[in-house]
């Protein structure tokens, strides 16, 4: 009877048992907090945080209604670079260790251990195949044995992962499996051609993880040596056709990522190709107004386009004359520099620019001063640069923001040129066409030579 009563008292505890996310970070002194998020296809929802103990350990108890899916741990700043995903199946707690040198290892969670084991197994097979090609072997039997191991490994993990969230990742990662011996060139081409064949871009689980981003980045940027722009364009178009209709939001996220990569690597031809053929239409459909504006501003300020016009004033025959950038006819080239009197780097570059311009008679400098609301410092600085054409660009309040918060970055001309840092340089020809966008005065000097 007593044993029965004990069991009855335990039933509510068992039914209400809550799972947790716990781990140990090493070295402990390098970490302070662990932040837990639930990942979604378009972002992430904050769940909770925990301060790490002296030994680097932490534990966060999940609400009993926590839904299965992809979760994320953020462990340092910036968060977009210091995080990792994991699977929570709603049935068991997740435990892991994270070492800055050794990486991530799950110590409790069948789903995550299964996925990690699969990746290690496939990596081993791929290394064996890579060694085969590196040694330029022609042993077809050995080759087919490697391929059979690859096929058997994939099938074994697909079978063992049935009914799990991990199965979606395992199926999406299905490798290309040749049916006969292929030389390295043929294998590489077929590998890339089939690289996205098994990816379900409509899966909310895959959309919520980093898998799609990693897969797409590898496909576009990591699978071809000496890729030219024509190849990039074909790959971008192939990606769009592979994803197919629908999935507009995930397509927007992926193509924005590709656009930014081309932008960061200073490939405006490809960045504008992505925007013109795919991303601009997507951003309009999902009402990403800020992204739409960025795409347009970036294209308008690409080398070869006419610089945006704005009002300015020049001194002529001792008189101040109002005119515009486009109406200037003073030189064969113009250097438009956006700077600020509160920018230390700007104050280092302007004297260098003054020295360089003393020996460049065919370039006229237009210095656009970006100031929040007080021009006092700007007026003091420009006194040292009498040969420059000076334009004062005061800040304005942001739409819907504090009307007293006047930011120099919220200026119509600054926004037209897409200026995100100071100093920023635009070299224009006689017709005000953008012919170069040097990073600094040293780069400008190289261009002028």
Protein backbone atom coordinates (compact mmCIF):
# COMPACT_ATOMS: atom_id res chain seq x y z
CA UNK A 1 0.00 0.00 0.00
CA UNK A 2 2.80 2.40 0.93
CA UNK A 3 4.60 1.60 -2.32
CA UNK A 4 1.41 2.32 -4.30
CA UNK A 5 1.00 5.68 -2.55
CA UNK A 6 4.62 6.53 -3.35
CA UNK A 7 4.09 5.77 -7.02
CA UNK A 8 0.93 7.88 -7.08
CA UNK A 9 2.80 10.86 -5.64
CA UNK A 10 5.52 10.51 -8.26
CA UNK A 11 3.12 10.50 -11.23
CA UNK A 12 2.52 14.29 -11.31
CA UNK A 13 6.27 14.89 -11.08
CA UNK A 14 6.93 12.55 -13.97
CA UNK A 15 4.18 14.07 -16.08
CA UNK A 16 5.40 17.61 -15.43
CA UNK A 17 9.11 16.86 -15.77
CA UNK A 18 10.82 19.68 -17.61
CA UNK A 19 13.79 19.41 -19.90
CA UNK A 20 16.78 21.69 -19.81
CA UNK A 21 19.61 23.03 -21.93
CA UNK A 22 22.94 22.84 -20.12
CA UNK A 23 26.58 23.01 -21.01
CA UNK A 24 30.13 23.78 -20.00
CA UNK A 25 32.23 26.44 -21.72
CA UNK A 26 36.03 26.23 -21.74
CA UNK A 27 38.12 28.18 -20.87
CA UNK A 28 35.59 29.42 -18.32
CA UNK A 29 37.16 32.85 -17.91
CA UNK A 30 36.43 33.66 -21.55
CA UNK A 31 32.65 33.44 -21.10
CA UNK A 32 30.05 35.15 -18.93
CA UNK A 33 26.51 34.40 -20.15
CA UNK A 34 24.70 31.90 -22.35
CA UNK A 35 21.64 33.26 -24.17
CA UNK A 36 19.02 30.81 -25.45
CA UNK A 37 16.88 31.53 -28.52
CA UNK A 38 14.39 29.53 -30.52
CA UNK A 39 15.28 29.90 -34.18
CA UNK A 40 12.61 30.61 -36.80
CA UNK A 41 12.82 30.80 -40.59
CA UNK A 42 13.04 34.59 -40.45
CA UNK A 43 14.85 35.25 -37.18
CA UNK A 44 14.90 34.06 -33.58
CA UNK A 45 12.85 34.44 -30.40
CA UNK A 46 14.58 35.07 -27.09
CA UNK A 47 13.88 32.38 -24.48
CA UNK A 48 16.14 32.94 -21.49
CA UNK A 49 19.70 33.47 -20.32
CA UNK A 50 21.97 32.06 -17.64
CA UNK A 51 25.11 33.38 -16.02
CA UNK A 52 27.96 30.89 -16.17
CA UNK A 53 29.38 29.46 -12.96
CA UNK A 54 33.08 29.67 -12.16
CA UNK A 55 33.69 26.36 -13.94
CA UNK A 56 31.94 27.60 -17.11
CA UNK A 57 28.77 25.60 -16.57
CA UNK A 58 25.18 26.74 -16.92
CA UNK A 59 21.67 25.31 -17.14
CA UNK A 60 18.42 26.75 -18.47
CA UNK A 61 15.15 24.97 -17.71
CA UNK A 62 12.73 24.91 -20.60
CA UNK A 63 9.05 25.63 -20.25
CA UNK A 64 7.05 22.41 -20.41
CA UNK A 65 5.34 23.81 -23.52
CA UNK A 66 8.62 24.44 -25.35
CA UNK A 67 8.12 23.26 -28.92
CA UNK A 68 10.52 20.99 -30.80
CA UNK A 69 12.70 22.67 -33.38
CA UNK A 70 15.98 24.47 -33.85
CA UNK A 71 17.38 26.42 -30.92
CA UNK A 72 20.41 28.66 -30.69
CA UNK A 73 22.97 29.47 -28.01
CA UNK A 74 24.67 32.87 -28.17
CA UNK A 75 27.79 33.03 -26.01
CA UNK A 76 29.58 36.28 -26.96
CA UNK A 77 29.43 39.46 -29.02
CA UNK A 78 28.84 40.02 -31.85
CA UNK A 79 25.98 37.50 -31.60
CA UNK A 80 25.86 36.75 -35.33
CA UNK A 81 29.41 35.39 -35.16
CA UNK A 82 29.40 33.72 -31.72
CA UNK A 83 26.57 31.22 -31.70
CA UNK A 84 25.64 27.69 -32.66
CA UNK A 85 22.43 25.83 -33.50
CA UNK A 86 21.17 22.61 -32.00
CA UNK A 87 18.11 20.38 -32.24
CA UNK A 88 15.55 20.15 -29.43
CA UNK A 89 13.07 17.30 -29.95
CA UNK A 90 10.79 18.13 -27.02
CA UNK A 91 11.55 14.79 -25.38
CA UNK A 92 14.98 14.99 -23.81
CA UNK A 93 17.34 17.52 -22.31
CA UNK A 94 20.35 18.74 -24.26
CA UNK A 95 23.84 18.79 -22.77
CA UNK A 96 27.07 19.84 -24.44
CA UNK A 97 30.63 21.03 -23.95
CA UNK A 98 32.05 23.94 -25.91
CA UNK A 99 35.79 24.51 -26.10
CA UNK A 100 37.29 27.44 -28.01
CA UNK A 101 39.94 25.10 -29.44
CA UNK A 102 38.12 21.77 -29.72
CA UNK A 103 34.69 23.12 -30.65
CA UNK A 104 31.23 21.78 -29.82
CA UNK A 105 30.42 18.28 -28.56
CA UNK A 106 27.02 17.00 -27.39
CA UNK A 107 27.13 14.74 -24.35
CA UNK A 108 23.38 14.18 -24.05
CA UNK A 109 20.77 14.38 -26.84
CA UNK A 110 20.26 11.54 -29.27
CA UNK A 111 19.25 13.86 -32.12
CA UNK A 112 22.32 16.08 -31.88
CA UNK A 113 24.69 13.18 -31.28
CA UNK A 114 23.22 11.40 -34.30
CA UNK A 115 23.71 14.41 -36.57
CA UNK A 116 27.25 14.98 -35.26
CA UNK A 117 28.12 11.31 -35.73
CA UNK A 118 26.78 11.39 -39.29
CA UNK A 119 28.85 14.44 -40.17
CA UNK A 120 32.02 12.87 -38.76
CA UNK A 121 31.40 9.63 -40.66
CA UNK A 122 30.75 11.40 -43.96
CA UNK A 123 33.76 13.63 -43.44
CA UNK A 124 35.94 10.55 -43.03
CA UNK A 125 34.62 9.05 -46.27
CA UNK A 126 35.09 12.33 -48.14
CA UNK A 127 38.67 12.60 -46.89
CA UNK A 128 39.37 9.09 -48.13
CA UNK A 129 37.98 10.02 -51.55
CA UNK A 130 39.97 13.25 -51.55
CA UNK A 131 43.18 11.32 -50.81
CA UNK A 132 42.37 8.95 -53.68
CA UNK A 133 42.19 11.85 -56.12
CA UNK A 134 45.22 13.61 -54.60
CA UNK A 135 47.33 10.50 -55.17
CA UNK A 136 46.04 10.38 -58.78
CA UNK A 137 45.18 6.74 -58.30
CA UNK A 138 43.53 4.76 -61.12
CA UNK A 139 42.55 1.76 -58.99
CA UNK A 140 38.89 1.50 -60.00
CA UNK A 141 38.13 -1.24 -57.47
CA UNK A 142 39.45 0.87 -54.60
CA UNK A 143 37.46 3.81 -55.94
CA UNK A 144 34.20 1.85 -56.07
CA UNK A 145 34.85 0.53 -52.55
CA UNK A 146 35.02 4.14 -51.28
CA UNK A 147 31.83 5.02 -53.13
CA UNK A 148 30.08 1.95 -51.69
CA UNK A 149 31.14 2.99 -48.19
CA UNK A 150 29.72 6.44 -48.85
CA UNK A 151 26.42 4.99 -50.09
CA UNK A 152 26.16 2.50 -47.20
CA UNK A 153 26.93 5.20 -44.64
CA UNK A 154 24.24 7.48 -46.02
CA UNK A 155 21.64 4.69 -46.07
CA UNK A 156 22.52 3.52 -42.56
CA UNK A 157 22.07 6.98 -41.07
CA UNK A 158 18.86 7.61 -43.01
CA UNK A 159 17.45 4.37 -41.61
CA UNK A 160 18.54 5.07 -38.03
CA UNK A 161 17.26 8.65 -38.10
CA UNK A 162 13.70 7.93 -39.24
CA UNK A 163 11.17 9.91 -37.23
CA UNK A 164 13.73 12.42 -35.96
CA UNK A 165 14.33 16.07 -36.81
CA UNK A 166 17.92 15.11 -37.59
CA UNK A 167 16.68 13.04 -40.53
CA UNK A 168 15.83 16.23 -42.44
CA UNK A 169 19.46 17.34 -42.23
CA UNK A 170 20.81 13.91 -43.13
CA UNK A 171 18.60 13.65 -46.22
CA UNK A 172 19.40 17.22 -47.28
CA UNK A 173 23.12 16.42 -47.01
CA UNK A 174 22.87 13.35 -49.29
CA UNK A 175 26.15 13.25 -51.25
CA UNK A 176 26.63 12.72 -54.95
CA UNK A 177 27.28 9.01 -55.47
CA UNK A 178 28.87 8.07 -58.85
CA UNK A 179 27.72 4.89 -60.55
CA UNK A 180 31.15 4.23 -62.03
CA UNK A 181 34.72 5.50 -61.87
CA UNK A 182 35.01 9.26 -62.56
CA UNK A 183 38.12 11.38 -62.84
CA UNK A 184 38.40 14.40 -60.56
CA UNK A 185 37.14 16.90 -63.13
CA UNK A 186 34.03 14.85 -63.94
CA UNK A 187 33.33 14.12 -60.28
CA UNK A 188 33.67 17.80 -59.31
CA UNK A 189 31.26 18.91 -62.02
CA UNK A 190 28.68 16.27 -61.08
CA UNK A 191 29.10 17.02 -57.38
CA UNK A 192 28.29 20.69 -57.91
CA UNK A 193 25.48 19.99 -60.37
CA UNK A 194 23.68 17.78 -57.82
CA UNK A 195 24.70 19.66 -54.67
CA UNK A 196 21.24 21.13 -54.05
CA UNK A 197 19.15 18.23 -55.37
CA UNK A 198 18.18 16.81 -51.97
CA UNK A 199 17.68 20.10 -50.13
CA UNK A 200 14.09 20.85 -49.16
CA UNK A 201 14.10 24.65 -49.14
CA UNK A 202 10.51 24.59 -47.88
CA UNK A 203 11.39 22.78 -44.64
CA UNK A 204 10.82 25.06 -41.61
CA UNK A 205 13.44 23.04 -39.72
CA UNK A 206 16.13 23.66 -42.35
CA UNK A 207 15.02 27.27 -42.75
CA UNK A 208 15.45 27.85 -39.01
CA UNK A 209 19.00 26.48 -38.94
CA UNK A 210 22.28 27.58 -40.53
CA UNK A 211 22.17 24.60 -42.89
CA UNK A 212 20.64 26.40 -45.89
CA UNK A 213 22.99 29.36 -45.55
CA UNK A 214 26.06 27.12 -45.31
CA UNK A 215 24.88 24.99 -48.23
CA UNK A 216 24.15 27.95 -50.48
CA UNK A 217 27.42 29.71 -49.64
CA UNK A 218 29.33 26.54 -50.45
CA UNK A 219 27.47 26.12 -53.74
CA UNK A 220 27.99 29.70 -54.94
CA UNK A 221 31.43 30.49 -53.55
CA UNK A 222 33.19 27.29 -52.57
CA UNK A 223 32.90 24.64 -55.27
CA UNK A 224 34.65 26.07 -58.33
CA UNK A 225 38.25 27.21 -58.75
CA UNK A 226 38.80 30.55 -60.50
CA UNK A 227 35.10 31.25 -60.88
CA UNK A 228 34.36 34.07 -63.33
CA UNK A 229 31.32 36.34 -63.35
CA UNK A 230 29.52 34.34 -66.03
CA UNK A 231 29.79 31.20 -63.89
CA UNK A 232 28.55 33.09 -60.84
CA UNK A 233 25.53 34.32 -62.79
CA UNK A 234 24.66 30.78 -63.92
CA UNK A 235 24.99 29.48 -60.37
CA UNK A 236 22.80 32.28 -58.97
CA UNK A 237 20.12 31.55 -61.56
CA UNK A 238 20.40 27.80 -60.91
CA UNK A 239 19.85 28.42 -57.21
CA UNK A 240 16.67 30.37 -57.91
CA UNK A 241 15.29 27.68 -60.22
CA UNK A 242 16.18 24.96 -57.70
CA UNK A 243 14.31 26.67 -54.87
CA UNK A 244 11.36 27.06 -57.23
CA UNK A 245 8.11 28.88 -56.62
CA UNK A 246 7.06 30.03 -53.18
CA UNK A 247 9.36 30.26 -50.16
CA UNK A 248 9.65 33.99 -50.84
CA UNK A 249 10.99 34.96 -47.42
CA UNK A 250 13.76 32.35 -47.32
CA UNK A 251 14.69 33.22 -50.91
CA UNK A 252 14.95 36.87 -49.89
CA UNK A 253 17.20 35.99 -46.95
CA UNK A 254 19.47 33.77 -49.06
CA UNK A 255 19.77 36.15 -52.00
CA UNK A 256 20.37 39.12 -49.71
CA UNK A 257 23.23 37.12 -48.19
CA UNK A 258 24.67 36.48 -51.67
CA UNK A 259 24.22 40.14 -52.65
CA UNK A 260 26.08 41.31 -49.55
CA UNK A 261 28.93 38.85 -50.19
CA UNK A 262 29.42 40.22 -53.72
CA UNK A 263 29.17 43.76 -52.36
CA UNK A 264 31.76 43.07 -49.64
CA UNK A 265 34.15 41.50 -52.16
CA UNK A 266 33.85 44.60 -54.36
CA UNK A 267 32.10 42.89 -57.26
CA UNK A 268 29.41 45.42 -58.22
CA UNK A 269 28.62 43.64 -61.49
CA UNK A 270 27.50 40.52 -59.63
CA UNK A 271 25.88 42.44 -56.76
CA UNK A 272 23.73 44.38 -59.21
CA UNK A 273 23.03 41.22 -61.23
CA UNK A 274 21.63 39.52 -58.12
CA UNK A 275 19.57 42.61 -57.30
CA UNK A 276 18.25 43.28 -60.79
CA UNK A 277 17.35 39.70 -61.63
CA UNK A 278 16.15 38.36 -58.30
CA UNK A 279 16.53 40.26 -55.04
CA UNK A 280 14.88 43.59 -55.81
CA UNK A 281 11.63 41.91 -56.83
CA UNK A 282 11.74 39.65 -53.77
CA UNK A 283 12.35 42.52 -51.33
CA UNK A 284 9.40 44.42 -52.77
CA UNK A 285 7.12 41.38 -52.44
CA UNK A 286 7.95 40.92 -48.76
CA UNK A 287 7.87 44.70 -48.12
CA UNK A 288 11.51 44.91 -46.98
CA UNK A 289 11.59 48.64 -47.68
CA UNK A 290 14.99 49.22 -46.07
CA UNK A 291 16.57 46.48 -48.20
CA UNK A 292 14.89 47.78 -51.34
CA UNK A 293 16.35 51.23 -50.69
CA UNK A 294 19.81 49.76 -50.07
CA UNK A 295 19.72 47.88 -53.37
CA UNK A 296 18.73 50.99 -55.31
CA UNK A 297 21.25 53.26 -53.57
CA UNK A 298 24.07 50.76 -54.12
CA UNK A 299 23.31 50.46 -57.82
CA UNK A 300 22.98 54.22 -58.28
CA UNK A 301 26.47 54.66 -56.81
CA UNK A 302 28.17 51.95 -58.83
CA UNK A 303 31.17 53.00 -60.89
CA UNK A 304 29.96 54.14 -64.32
CA UNK A 305 26.78 55.79 -63.05
CA UNK A 306 26.22 59.53 -62.72
CA UNK A 307 26.69 60.84 -59.19
CA UNK A 308 23.56 62.14 -57.47
CA UNK A 309 23.09 65.89 -57.82
CA UNK A 310 22.93 68.32 -54.90
CA UNK A 311 23.16 72.05 -54.23
CA UNK A 312 26.41 73.79 -53.36
CA UNK A 313 28.04 77.21 -53.50
CA UNK A 314 31.32 78.41 -55.02
CA UNK A 315 33.26 81.63 -54.89
CA UNK A 316 33.56 83.34 -58.27
CA UNK A 317 35.18 86.75 -58.76
CA UNK A 318 34.93 87.31 -55.03
CA UNK A 319 31.22 86.55 -54.93
CA UNK A 320 29.38 83.51 -53.59
CA UNK A 321 27.46 81.78 -56.37
CA UNK A 322 24.82 79.09 -55.81
CA UNK A 323 24.99 76.15 -58.20
CA UNK A 324 24.79 72.32 -58.26
CA UNK A 325 27.24 69.48 -58.60
CA UNK A 326 26.07 68.71 -62.12
CA UNK A 327 26.49 72.34 -63.23
CA UNK A 328 30.09 72.62 -62.08
CA UNK A 329 32.58 73.23 -64.88
CA UNK A 330 35.81 73.90 -63.04
CA UNK A 331 37.95 70.82 -63.65
CA UNK A 332 38.37 67.61 -65.60
CA UNK A 333 37.89 65.57 -62.40
CA UNK A 334 36.18 66.06 -59.05
CA UNK A 335 36.80 64.34 -55.76
CA UNK A 336 33.75 64.21 -53.53
CA UNK A 337 34.72 63.36 -49.95
CA UNK A 338 32.22 62.83 -47.12
CA UNK A 339 33.82 63.67 -43.78
CA UNK A 340 33.00 64.90 -40.29
CA UNK A 341 34.77 67.16 -37.82
CA UNK A 342 34.16 64.53 -35.11
CA UNK A 343 35.84 61.77 -37.16
CA UNK A 344 39.45 61.29 -36.08
CA UNK A 345 40.33 59.32 -39.22
CA UNK A 346 38.93 62.13 -41.35
CA UNK A 347 41.13 64.68 -39.58
CA UNK A 348 44.11 62.45 -40.36
CA UNK A 349 43.21 62.06 -44.03
CA UNK A 350 42.31 65.66 -44.90
CA UNK A 351 45.87 67.03 -44.52
CA UNK A 352 47.15 64.18 -46.72
CA UNK A 353 44.49 65.03 -49.26
CA UNK A 354 45.49 68.70 -49.18
CA UNK A 355 49.11 67.77 -49.88
CA UNK A 356 48.14 65.43 -52.72
CA UNK A 357 45.83 67.99 -54.31
CA UNK A 358 48.59 70.61 -54.32
CA UNK A 359 50.17 68.57 -57.13
CA UNK A 360 46.94 67.61 -58.90
CA UNK A 361 45.75 70.56 -60.92
CA UNK A 362 43.07 68.57 -62.76
CA UNK A 363 41.12 67.51 -59.63
CA UNK A 364 38.78 69.76 -57.66
CA UNK A 365 37.82 68.64 -54.14
CA UNK A 366 34.23 68.91 -52.91
CA UNK A 367 34.27 68.33 -49.15
CA UNK A 368 30.84 67.40 -47.81
CA UNK A 369 30.88 67.99 -44.05
CA UNK A 370 28.55 65.71 -42.11
CA UNK A 371 27.58 67.35 -38.79
CA UNK A 372 24.77 66.55 -36.37
CA UNK A 373 23.39 70.01 -35.68
CA UNK A 374 26.26 72.32 -34.65
CA UNK A 375 28.55 73.61 -37.43
CA UNK A 376 31.03 75.29 -35.07
CA UNK A 377 33.78 72.66 -35.30
CA UNK A 378 33.21 72.27 -39.04
CA UNK A 379 33.75 76.02 -39.58
CA UNK A 380 37.04 75.87 -37.68
CA UNK A 381 38.38 72.93 -39.67
CA UNK A 382 37.47 74.16 -43.17
CA UNK A 383 39.51 77.31 -42.61
CA UNK A 384 42.60 75.17 -43.23
CA UNK A 385 41.31 74.06 -46.64
CA UNK A 386 40.50 77.20 -48.64
CA UNK A 387 40.96 75.50 -52.01
CA UNK A 388 38.23 72.94 -51.36
CA UNK A 389 34.57 73.51 -52.20
CA UNK A 390 32.85 73.05 -48.85
CA UNK A 391 29.29 71.81 -48.36
CA UNK A 392 27.67 71.58 -44.93
CA UNK A 393 25.29 68.66 -44.46
CA UNK A 394 23.48 68.91 -41.16
CA UNK A 395 21.70 65.94 -39.66
CA UNK A 396 17.97 65.49 -39.33
CA UNK A 397 15.67 63.56 -37.02
CA UNK A 398 14.86 60.01 -38.07
CA UNK A 399 11.31 59.27 -39.15
CA UNK A 400 9.28 58.35 -36.10
CA UNK A 401 12.24 59.01 -33.79
CA UNK A 402 13.13 61.64 -31.24
CA UNK A 403 12.79 65.03 -33.01
CA UNK A 404 15.70 66.38 -30.96
CA UNK A 405 18.03 63.56 -31.98
CA UNK A 406 19.65 65.03 -35.09
CA UNK A 407 21.97 62.48 -36.67
CA UNK A 408 24.56 63.36 -39.32
CA UNK A 409 23.81 59.98 -40.90
CA UNK A 410 20.23 61.01 -41.52
CA UNK A 411 20.93 63.50 -44.28
CA UNK A 412 19.31 63.33 -47.71
CA UNK A 413 22.57 63.63 -49.69
CA UNK A 414 24.41 61.23 -47.39
CA UNK A 415 21.64 58.69 -47.86
CA UNK A 416 21.62 59.17 -51.63
CA UNK A 417 25.29 58.21 -51.75
CA UNK A 418 24.87 55.31 -49.35
CA UNK A 419 27.62 56.63 -47.06
CA UNK A 420 28.09 54.31 -44.08
CA UNK A 421 31.53 55.42 -42.90
CA UNK A 422 33.74 58.49 -42.97
CA UNK A 423 35.74 59.49 -44.83
CA UNK A 424 34.18 58.16 -48.04
CA UNK A 425 35.61 59.12 -51.43
CA UNK A 426 33.99 59.34 -54.87
CA UNK A 427 36.15 60.28 -57.85
CA UNK A 428 34.11 61.82 -60.68
CA UNK A 429 34.96 62.75 -64.24
CA UNK A 430 34.09 66.01 -65.98
CA UNK A 431 30.52 64.79 -66.58
CA UNK A 432 30.12 63.76 -62.90
CA UNK A 433 30.28 60.07 -63.73
CA UNK A 434 31.67 57.95 -60.87
CA UNK A 435 35.01 56.61 -62.08
CA UNK A 436 36.48 55.32 -58.79
CA UNK A 437 35.66 54.91 -55.08
CA UNK A 438 39.06 54.83 -53.35
CA UNK A 439 39.24 53.64 -49.77
CA UNK A 440 41.63 56.37 -48.62
CA UNK A 441 44.04 59.06 -49.86
CA UNK A 442 46.76 56.51 -50.52
CA UNK A 443 44.44 54.55 -52.81
CA UNK A 444 43.38 57.81 -54.48
CA UNK A 445 47.00 58.67 -55.18
CA UNK A 446 47.53 55.29 -56.83
CA UNK A 447 44.46 55.80 -59.01
CA UNK A 448 45.50 59.29 -60.09
CA UNK A 449 48.94 58.00 -61.06
